[in-house]
Amino acid sequence: MKKLTMTFLNEAGKNAQLRPTVAREDLSAEEVKEVMDGIVALDVFEKNGDKMYVETKSAKYTETIVTDLF
C-alpha cells in the first residue's frame, strides 16, 4: 500500500505535512503539484494563528510492506 505525503512550508518557514487518508496510488507529479498549489491558494488553514500551507515544497509516496505472520 502506498501513502501520499505532501510537504509544504508554513508561515514560520517550517515543514507542514498533509497526508490524505485516501489517495490514488498512481497520481502524477503534475496532478499532485496542481492540488498542492490549490491548497496554498485557498489560504484557509491555520494552527495557533500561523498559516499552515504557504508554499509547496515536495510530495512523495511511502510504500508499506505488510507480512502476515498468521
Protein backbone atom coordinates (compact mmCIF):
# COMPACT_ATOMS: atom_id res chain seq x y z
CA MET A 1 0.00 0.00 0.00
CA LYS A 2 1.30 3.45 -0.93
CA LYS A 3 0.53 6.55 1.12
CA LEU A 4 0.86 10.08 -0.19
CA THR A 5 2.68 12.72 1.86
CA MET A 6 2.55 16.33 0.73
CA THR A 7 5.04 18.70 2.33
CA PHE A 8 4.51 22.45 2.46
CA LEU A 9 6.27 25.31 4.19
CA ASN A 10 4.25 27.08 6.86
CA GLU A 11 4.29 30.77 7.69
CA ALA A 12 7.31 30.26 10.00
CA GLY A 13 9.27 28.52 7.20
CA LYS A 14 8.96 25.08 8.80
CA ASN A 15 7.68 21.89 7.17
CA ALA A 16 3.96 21.19 7.40
CA GLN A 17 2.83 17.81 6.12
CA LEU A 18 -0.53 16.76 4.83
CA ARG A 19 -1.33 13.06 4.43
CA PRO A 20 -4.70 12.35 2.82
CA THR A 21 -6.49 9.35 4.28
CA VAL A 22 -7.36 8.11 0.81
CA ALA A 23 -5.38 8.88 -2.35
CA ARG A 24 -4.90 7.10 -5.63
CA GLU A 25 -1.58 5.32 -5.86
CA ASP A 26 -0.89 6.38 -9.45
CA LEU A 27 -1.07 10.17 -9.30
CA SER A 28 1.42 12.03 -11.48
CA ALA A 29 3.74 14.73 -10.20
CA GLU A 30 1.75 17.31 -12.17
CA GLU A 31 -1.56 16.23 -10.62
CA VAL A 32 -0.21 16.38 -7.08
CA LYS A 33 1.53 19.73 -7.66
CA GLU A 34 -1.70 21.20 -9.04
CA VAL A 35 -3.64 20.08 -5.96
CA MET A 36 -0.94 21.35 -3.60
CA ASP A 37 -0.86 24.74 -5.34
CA GLY A 38 -4.64 24.86 -4.98
CA ILE A 39 -4.36 24.22 -1.23
CA VAL A 40 -1.84 27.06 -0.93
CA ALA A 41 -4.15 29.36 -2.93
CA LEU A 42 -7.09 28.62 -0.59
CA ASP A 43 -5.21 30.27 2.29
CA VAL A 44 -7.66 28.91 4.88
CA PHE A 45 -5.60 26.57 7.08
CA GLU A 46 -4.18 27.91 10.35
CA LYS A 47 -2.70 26.46 13.51
CA ASN A 48 -2.01 28.57 16.58
CA GLY A 49 -2.52 31.70 14.49
CA ASP A 50 0.08 30.73 11.85
CA LYS A 51 -0.81 29.87 8.26
CA MET A 52 -0.15 26.17 7.71
CA TYR A 53 0.39 25.84 3.96
CA VAL A 54 2.00 28.91 2.37
CA GLU A 55 4.38 27.27 -0.12
CA THR A 56 4.54 23.94 -1.94
CA LYS A 57 7.75 22.05 -1.11
CA SER A 58 7.57 18.36 -2.09
CA ALA A 59 5.45 15.23 -2.34
CA LYS A 60 6.24 11.56 -2.05
CA TYR A 61 4.69 8.14 -1.88
CA THR A 62 5.70 5.89 1.00
CA GLU A 63 5.16 2.20 0.43
CA THR A 64 4.47 -0.12 3.33
CA ILE A 65 5.04 -3.84 3.02
CA VAL A 66 2.91 -5.96 5.33
CA THR A 67 3.98 -9.51 6.11
CA ASP A 68 1.29 -11.60 7.81
CA LEU A 69 2.66 -13.99 10.42
CA PHE A 70 -0.56 -15.98 10.87
